[in-house]
């Protein structure tokens, strides 16, 4: 089992396995600030653009498992681990609560995100899009990213992460044409357990880095 000093170190180790992508027209789509800290190192190495998709999980009152997730682009995705029958029951019985959660989450995401942090999907067209997470525990954030990218005419979808739970490994593989992972982990520990340093850049710092990533190529 490999542990990392921080997300930048993990990103550099991942980037070493992705040098072939330097010859392609790539864009790195990071999931949240943690993913951006990893993805920035990949973008530098392969000379790619860097974008960030912020994701929030929605959990019903008195429940532990997230019902769904919403992205900063407004994509709303139900938890794939729930059966269609269970989702139908919950969506009917808790429709008012779900609608309120969606509104609150959308407002929260809009408070977090500045205008310059919004992704223009046109910038991802005809690119090899590399979705980067700092760790995949349940795969829900990846489902949101995949739904966000569905209407985009991409050349290829790659998923790269330092850490992925064995429980969702096959699910994640099915979402992409290539999956790169440094460590398979058990779901007993949070993603933060595998990093010595867990300080993340704030949103504005990531936006500034996205603007200037080409200066680090």
C-alpha atoms as a PDB file:
ATOM      1  CA  UNK A   1       0.000   0.000   0.000  1.00  0.00           C
ATOM      2  CA  UNK A   2       1.401   3.363  -1.040  1.00  0.00           C
ATOM      3  CA  UNK A   3       0.822   6.535   0.958  1.00  0.00           C
ATOM      4  CA  UNK A   4       1.484  10.015  -0.426  1.00  0.00           C
ATOM      5  CA  UNK A   5       3.081  13.123   0.999  1.00  0.00           C
ATOM      6  CA  UNK A   6       0.367  15.218  -0.637  1.00  0.00           C
ATOM      7  CA  UNK A   7      -1.821  15.363  -3.752  1.00  0.00           C
ATOM      8  CA  UNK A   8       0.888  17.049  -5.809  1.00  0.00           C
ATOM      9  CA  UNK A   9       3.192  14.075  -5.239  1.00  0.00           C
ATOM     10  CA  UNK A  10       0.392  11.686  -6.214  1.00  0.00           C
ATOM     11  CA  UNK A  11      -0.258  13.747  -9.343  1.00  0.00           C
ATOM     12  CA  UNK A  12       3.399  13.640 -10.367  1.00  0.00           C
ATOM     13  CA  UNK A  13       3.488   9.857  -9.954  1.00  0.00           C
ATOM     14  CA  UNK A  14       0.344   9.502 -12.069  1.00  0.00           C
ATOM     15  CA  UNK A  15       1.726  11.881 -14.679  1.00  0.00           C
ATOM     16  CA  UNK A  16       4.798   9.686 -15.129  1.00  0.00           C
ATOM     17  CA  UNK A  17       2.462   6.971 -16.418  1.00  0.00           C
ATOM     18  CA  UNK A  18       0.763   9.302 -18.887  1.00  0.00           C
ATOM     19  CA  UNK A  19       3.589  10.662 -21.018  1.00  0.00           C
ATOM     20  CA  UNK A  20       2.056   9.102 -24.163  1.00  0.00           C
ATOM     21  CA  UNK A  21      -0.831  11.570 -23.848  1.00  0.00           C
ATOM     22  CA  UNK A  22       1.563  14.475 -24.382  1.00  0.00           C
ATOM     23  CA  UNK A  23       1.223  13.894 -28.130  1.00  0.00           C
ATOM     24  CA  UNK A  24      -2.564  14.147 -28.024  1.00  0.00           C
ATOM     25  CA  UNK A  25      -5.034  17.010 -27.723  1.00  0.00           C
ATOM     26  CA  UNK A  26      -5.941  16.586 -24.041  1.00  0.00           C
ATOM     27  CA  UNK A  27      -7.933  18.405 -21.380  1.00  0.00           C
ATOM     28  CA  UNK A  28      -7.819  17.548 -17.678  1.00  0.00           C
ATOM     29  CA  UNK A  29     -11.185  17.731 -15.889  1.00  0.00           C
ATOM     30  CA  UNK A  30     -10.544  17.645 -12.136  1.00  0.00           C
ATOM     31  CA  UNK A  31     -13.176  16.678  -9.574  1.00  0.00           C
ATOM     32  CA  UNK A  32     -13.089  19.302  -6.836  1.00  0.00           C
ATOM     33  CA  UNK A  33     -10.093  21.046  -5.308  1.00  0.00           C
ATOM     34  CA  UNK A  34      -8.461  17.756  -4.330  1.00  0.00           C
ATOM     35  CA  UNK A  35      -8.704  16.501  -7.886  1.00  0.00           C
ATOM     36  CA  UNK A  36      -7.332  19.821  -9.134  1.00  0.00           C
ATOM     37  CA  UNK A  37      -4.230  19.457  -6.943  1.00  0.00           C
ATOM     38  CA  UNK A  38      -3.598  16.047  -8.543  1.00  0.00           C
ATOM     39  CA  UNK A  39      -4.726  17.052 -12.032  1.00  0.00           C
ATOM     40  CA  UNK A  40      -2.517  20.138 -12.198  1.00  0.00           C
ATOM     41  CA  UNK A  41       0.574  17.940 -12.139  1.00  0.00           C
ATOM     42  CA  UNK A  42      -0.804  15.809 -14.964  1.00  0.00           C
ATOM     43  CA  UNK A  43      -1.748  18.881 -17.011  1.00  0.00           C
ATOM     44  CA  UNK A  44       1.770  20.282 -16.597  1.00  0.00           C
ATOM     45  CA  UNK A  45       3.402  17.030 -17.660  1.00  0.00           C
ATOM     46  CA  UNK A  46       1.307  16.363 -20.778  1.00  0.00           C
ATOM     47  CA  UNK A  47       0.744  20.032 -21.761  1.00  0.00           C
ATOM     48  CA  UNK A  48      -3.026  19.968 -21.275  1.00  0.00           C
ATOM     49  CA  UNK A  49      -5.659  22.502 -20.272  1.00  0.00           C
ATOM     50  CA  UNK A  50      -7.041  22.221 -16.730  1.00  0.00           C
ATOM     51  CA  UNK A  51     -10.688  22.563 -15.677  1.00  0.00           C
ATOM     52  CA  UNK A  52     -12.526  21.780 -12.446  1.00  0.00           C
ATOM     53  CA  UNK A  53     -15.971  20.311 -11.803  1.00  0.00           C
ATOM     54  CA  UNK A  54     -17.168  20.887  -8.244  1.00  0.00           C
ATOM     55  CA  UNK A  55     -19.445  18.151  -6.915  1.00  0.00           C
ATOM     56  CA  UNK A  56     -21.732  18.079  -3.864  1.00  0.00           C
ATOM     57  CA  UNK A  57     -23.483  14.968  -2.540  1.00  0.00           C
ATOM     58  CA  UNK A  58     -27.151  15.157  -1.516  1.00  0.00           C
ATOM     59  CA  UNK A  59     -28.186  13.056   1.484  1.00  0.00           C
ATOM     60  CA  UNK A  60     -31.716  12.808   2.823  1.00  0.00           C
ATOM     61  CA  UNK A  61     -32.301  13.535   6.547  1.00  0.00           C
ATOM     62  CA  UNK A  62     -31.491  10.555   8.815  1.00  0.00           C
ATOM     63  CA  UNK A  63     -29.779   8.715   5.952  1.00  0.00           C
ATOM     64  CA  UNK A  64     -26.067   7.894   5.703  1.00  0.00           C
ATOM     65  CA  UNK A  65     -25.736   7.009   2.024  1.00  0.00           C
ATOM     66  CA  UNK A  66     -25.969   9.888  -0.486  1.00  0.00           C
ATOM     67  CA  UNK A  67     -29.097   9.811  -2.623  1.00  0.00           C
ATOM     68  CA  UNK A  68     -27.523  11.746  -5.483  1.00  0.00           C
ATOM     69  CA  UNK A  69     -24.866  14.265  -6.466  1.00  0.00           C
ATOM     70  CA  UNK A  70     -24.921  17.590  -8.256  1.00  0.00           C
ATOM     71  CA  UNK A  71     -22.113  19.271 -10.151  1.00  0.00           C
ATOM     72  CA  UNK A  72     -21.222  22.937 -10.488  1.00  0.00           C
ATOM     73  CA  UNK A  73     -22.557  22.688 -14.061  1.00  0.00           C
ATOM     74  CA  UNK A  74     -26.001  21.712 -12.734  1.00  0.00           C
ATOM     75  CA  UNK A  75     -25.737  17.998 -13.574  1.00  0.00           C
ATOM     76  CA  UNK A  76     -27.876  15.933 -11.183  1.00  0.00           C
ATOM     77  CA  UNK A  77     -27.147  12.201 -10.890  1.00  0.00           C
ATOM     78  CA  UNK A  78     -28.786   9.616  -8.635  1.00  0.00           C
ATOM     79  CA  UNK A  79     -26.633   7.136  -6.740  1.00  0.00           C
ATOM     80  CA  UNK A  80     -26.040   4.153  -9.058  1.00  0.00           C
ATOM     81  CA  UNK A  81     -25.766   1.843  -6.030  1.00  0.00           C
ATOM     82  CA  UNK A  82     -29.507   2.207  -5.400  1.00  0.00           C
ATOM     83  CA  UNK A  83     -31.913   0.028  -7.358  1.00  0.00           C
ATOM     84  CA  UNK A  84     -34.370   1.590  -9.800  1.00  0.00           C
ATOM     85  CA  UNK A  85     -37.244   0.403  -7.595  1.00  0.00           C
ATOM     86  CA  UNK A  86     -35.775   2.003  -4.460  1.00  0.00           C
ATOM     87  CA  UNK A  87     -35.095   5.251  -6.302  1.00  0.00           C
ATOM     88  CA  UNK A  88     -38.663   5.370  -7.580  1.00  0.00           C
ATOM     89  CA  UNK A  89     -40.060   4.899  -4.070  1.00  0.00           C
ATOM     90  CA  UNK A  90     -37.743   7.507  -2.551  1.00  0.00           C
ATOM     91  CA  UNK A  91     -38.338  10.039  -5.325  1.00  0.00           C
ATOM     92  CA  UNK A  92     -42.109   9.780  -4.830  1.00  0.00           C
ATOM     93  CA  UNK A  93     -42.145   9.735  -1.025  1.00  0.00           C
ATOM     94  CA  UNK A  94     -39.513  12.464  -0.602  1.00  0.00           C
ATOM     95  CA  UNK A  95     -40.098  14.600  -3.679  1.00  0.00           C
ATOM     96  CA  UNK A  96     -40.509  17.851  -1.727  1.00  0.00           C
ATOM     97  CA  UNK A  97     -37.390  17.223   0.354  1.00  0.00           C
ATOM     98  CA  UNK A  98     -35.368  16.272  -2.732  1.00  0.00           C
ATOM     99  CA  UNK A  99     -36.472  19.398  -4.593  1.00  0.00           C
ATOM    100  CA  UNK A 100     -35.443  21.519  -1.605  1.00  0.00           C
ATOM    101  CA  UNK A 101     -32.061  19.776  -1.374  1.00  0.00           C
ATOM    102  CA  UNK A 102     -31.464  20.335  -5.082  1.00  0.00           C
ATOM    103  CA  UNK A 103     -32.255  24.036  -4.738  1.00  0.00           C
ATOM    104  CA  UNK A 104     -30.038  24.462  -1.666  1.00  0.00           C
ATOM    105  CA  UNK A 105     -27.169  22.573  -3.293  1.00  0.00           C
ATOM    106  CA  UNK A 106     -27.455  24.565  -6.507  1.00  0.00           C
ATOM    107  CA  UNK A 107     -27.382  27.819  -4.527  1.00  0.00           C
ATOM    108  CA  UNK A 108     -24.378  26.606  -2.503  1.00  0.00           C
ATOM    109  CA  UNK A 109     -22.445  25.689  -5.637  1.00  0.00           C
ATOM    110  CA  UNK A 110     -23.211  29.054  -7.182  1.00  0.00           C
ATOM    111  CA  UNK A 111     -21.921  30.838  -4.076  1.00  0.00           C
ATOM    112  CA  UNK A 112     -18.689  28.873  -4.281  1.00  0.00           C
ATOM    113  CA  UNK A 113     -18.032  29.251  -7.977  1.00  0.00           C
ATOM    114  CA  UNK A 114     -16.897  32.450  -9.600  1.00  0.00           C
ATOM    115  CA  UNK A 115     -17.739  33.226 -13.202  1.00  0.00           C
ATOM    116  CA  UNK A 116     -14.239  32.247 -14.309  1.00  0.00           C
ATOM    117  CA  UNK A 117     -14.684  28.811 -12.735  1.00  0.00           C
ATOM    118  CA  UNK A 118     -17.577  27.788 -14.989  1.00  0.00           C
ATOM    119  CA  UNK A 119     -16.651  25.205 -17.623  1.00  0.00           C
ATOM    120  CA  UNK A 120     -17.399  25.932 -21.255  1.00  0.00           C
ATOM    121  CA  UNK A 121     -18.212  22.507 -22.723  1.00  0.00           C
ATOM    122  CA  UNK A 122     -17.129  23.723 -26.160  1.00  0.00           C
ATOM    123  CA  UNK A 123     -13.540  23.775 -24.880  1.00  0.00           C
ATOM    124  CA  UNK A 124     -13.715  20.013 -24.298  1.00  0.00           C
ATOM    125  CA  UNK A 125     -14.967  19.070 -27.766  1.00  0.00           C
ATOM    126  CA  UNK A 126     -12.702  16.770 -29.795  1.00  0.00           C
ATOM    127  CA  UNK A 127     -10.320  16.454 -26.849  1.00  0.00           C
ATOM    128  CA  UNK A 128      -9.126  13.429 -24.981  1.00  0.00           C
ATOM    129  CA  UNK A 129     -10.691  14.286 -21.620  1.00  0.00           C
ATOM    130  CA  UNK A 130      -8.865  13.005 -18.548  1.00  0.00           C
ATOM    131  CA  UNK A 131     -11.128  13.036 -15.496  1.00  0.00           C
ATOM    132  CA  UNK A 132      -8.968  13.231 -12.364  1.00  0.00           C
ATOM    133  CA  UNK A 133      -9.980  12.554  -8.763  1.00  0.00           C
ATOM    134  CA  UNK A 134      -7.780  12.561  -5.669  1.00  0.00           C
ATOM    135  CA  UNK A 135      -9.480   9.316  -4.628  1.00  0.00           C
ATOM    136  CA  UNK A 136     -12.580   7.315  -5.526  1.00  0.00           C
ATOM    137  CA  UNK A 137     -14.511   5.863  -2.601  1.00  0.00           C
ATOM    138  CA  UNK A 138     -17.975   5.219  -4.059  1.00  0.00           C
ATOM    139  CA  UNK A 139     -17.752   6.384  -7.675  1.00  0.00           C
ATOM    140  CA  UNK A 140     -20.657   8.814  -7.383  1.00  0.00           C
ATOM    141  CA  UNK A 141     -18.603  11.880  -8.355  1.00  0.00           C
ATOM    142  CA  UNK A 142     -17.378  10.004 -11.426  1.00  0.00           C
ATOM    143  CA  UNK A 143     -20.975   9.273 -12.432  1.00  0.00           C
ATOM    144  CA  UNK A 144     -21.725  12.988 -12.256  1.00  0.00           C
ATOM    145  CA  UNK A 145     -18.691  13.793 -14.403  1.00  0.00           C
ATOM    146  CA  UNK A 146     -19.684  11.139 -16.950  1.00  0.00           C
ATOM    147  CA  UNK A 147     -23.215  12.568 -17.145  1.00  0.00           C
ATOM    148  CA  UNK A 148     -21.790  16.066 -17.561  1.00  0.00           C
ATOM    149  CA  UNK A 149     -19.666  14.864 -20.483  1.00  0.00           C
ATOM    150  CA  UNK A 150     -22.388  12.844 -22.254  1.00  0.00           C
ATOM    151  CA  UNK A 151     -23.472  15.677 -24.597  1.00  0.00           C
ATOM    152  CA  UNK A 152     -19.848  16.636 -25.333  1.00  0.00           C
ATOM    153  CA  UNK A 153     -18.252  15.220 -28.478  1.00  0.00           C
ATOM    154  CA  UNK A 154     -15.010  14.036 -26.873  1.00  0.00           C
ATOM    155  CA  UNK A 155     -12.398  11.887 -28.618  1.00  0.00           C
ATOM    156  CA  UNK A 156     -11.842   9.673 -25.589  1.00  0.00           C
ATOM    157  CA  UNK A 157     -12.595   9.589 -21.854  1.00  0.00           C
ATOM    158  CA  UNK A 158      -9.811   8.634 -19.437  1.00  0.00           C
ATOM    159  CA  UNK A 159     -10.113   8.359 -15.641  1.00  0.00           C
ATOM    160  CA  UNK A 160      -6.997   8.822 -13.496  1.00  0.00           C
ATOM    161  CA  UNK A 161      -6.729   8.655  -9.725  1.00  0.00           C
ATOM    162  CA  UNK A 162      -4.119   7.799  -7.102  1.00  0.00           C
ATOM    163  CA  UNK A 163      -6.665   5.784  -5.075  1.00  0.00           C
ATOM    164  CA  UNK A 164      -9.755   3.745  -5.828  1.00  0.00           C
ATOM    165  CA  UNK A 165     -11.878   1.471  -3.658  1.00  0.00           C
ATOM    166  CA  UNK A 166     -11.904  -2.144  -4.789  1.00  0.00           C
ATOM    167  CA  UNK A 167     -15.703  -2.115  -4.365  1.00  0.00           C
ATOM    168  CA  UNK A 168     -16.225   0.258  -7.301  1.00  0.00           C
ATOM    169  CA  UNK A 169     -13.224  -0.564  -9.483  1.00  0.00           C
ATOM    170  CA  UNK A 170     -15.226  -2.332 -12.195  1.00  0.00           C
ATOM    171  CA  UNK A 171     -17.895   0.362 -12.173  1.00  0.00           C
ATOM    172  CA  UNK A 172     -15.264   3.063 -12.741  1.00  0.00           C
ATOM    173  CA  UNK A 173     -13.598   1.048 -15.505  1.00  0.00           C
ATOM    174  CA  UNK A 174     -16.925   0.840 -17.345  1.00  0.00           C
ATOM    175  CA  UNK A 175     -17.173   4.640 -17.520  1.00  0.00           C
ATOM    176  CA  UNK A 176     -13.944   5.134 -19.474  1.00  0.00           C
ATOM    177  CA  UNK A 177     -11.818   3.750 -22.270  1.00  0.00           C
ATOM    178  CA  UNK A 178      -8.752   3.741 -20.013  1.00  0.00           C
ATOM    179  CA  UNK A 179      -8.452   3.774 -16.231  1.00  0.00           C
ATOM    180  CA  UNK A 180      -5.217   4.606 -14.398  1.00  0.00           C
ATOM    181  CA  UNK A 181      -4.924   4.000 -10.666  1.00  0.00           C
ATOM    182  CA  UNK A 182      -1.882   3.850  -8.392  1.00  0.00           C
ATOM    183  CA  UNK A 183      -3.519   2.090  -5.423  1.00  0.00           C
ATOM    184  CA  UNK A 184      -6.528  -0.124  -4.807  1.00  0.00           C
ATOM    185  CA  UNK A 185      -7.864   0.594  -1.322  1.00  0.00           C
ATOM    186  CA  UNK A 186     -10.500  -0.719   1.046  1.00  0.00           C
ATOM    187  CA  UNK A 187     -13.491   1.423   1.906  1.00  0.00           C
ATOM    188  CA  UNK A 188     -12.781   1.334   5.665  1.00  0.00           C
ATOM    189  CA  UNK A 189     -10.699   4.530   5.586  1.00  0.00           C
ATOM    190  CA  UNK A 190     -11.457   7.973   4.112  1.00  0.00           C
ATOM    191  CA  UNK A 191      -9.393   9.252   1.182  1.00  0.00           C
ATOM    192  CA  UNK A 192      -7.621  11.700   3.509  1.00  0.00           C
ATOM    193  CA  UNK A 193      -6.089   8.739   5.357  1.00  0.00           C
ATOM    194  CA  UNK A 194      -3.717   8.110   2.454  1.00  0.00           C
ATOM    195  CA  UNK A 195      -2.249  11.640   2.353  1.00  0.00           C
ATOM    196  CA  UNK A 196       0.123  13.011   4.992  1.00  0.00           C
ATOM    197  CA  UNK A 197      -0.881  16.573   4.064  1.00  0.00           C
ATOM    198  CA  UNK A 198      -4.553  17.324   3.446  1.00  0.00           C
ATOM    199  CA  UNK A 199      -4.567  21.093   2.982  1.00  0.00           C
ATOM    200  CA  UNK A 200      -6.372  21.884  -0.278  1.00  0.00           C
ATOM    201  CA  UNK A 201      -6.198  25.024  -2.432  1.00  0.00           C
ATOM    202  CA  UNK A 202      -9.288  27.216  -2.254  1.00  0.00           C
ATOM    203  CA  UNK A 203     -11.507  27.684  -5.287  1.00  0.00           C
ATOM    204  CA  UNK A 204     -10.016  31.017  -6.365  1.00  0.00           C
ATOM    205  CA  UNK A 205      -6.500  29.576  -6.254  1.00  0.00           C
ATOM    206  CA  UNK A 206      -7.590  26.724  -8.515  1.00  0.00           C
ATOM    207  CA  UNK A 207      -9.237  29.151 -10.954  1.00  0.00           C
ATOM    208  CA  UNK A 208      -6.012  31.167 -11.130  1.00  0.00           C
ATOM    209  CA  UNK A 209      -4.021  27.996 -11.718  1.00  0.00           C
ATOM    210  CA  UNK A 210      -6.401  26.927 -14.499  1.00  0.00           C
ATOM    211  CA  UNK A 211      -5.887  30.253 -16.253  1.00  0.00           C
ATOM    212  CA  UNK A 212      -2.095  30.012 -16.077  1.00  0.00           C
ATOM    213  CA  UNK A 213      -1.490  26.270 -16.421  1.00  0.00           C
ATOM    214  CA  UNK A 214       0.162  26.685 -19.835  1.00  0.00           C
ATOM    215  CA  UNK A 215       2.940  28.715 -18.196  1.00  0.00           C
ATOM    216  CA  UNK A 216       3.986  25.539 -16.349  1.00  0.00           C
ATOM    217  CA  UNK A 217       4.261  23.324 -19.450  1.00  0.00           C
END
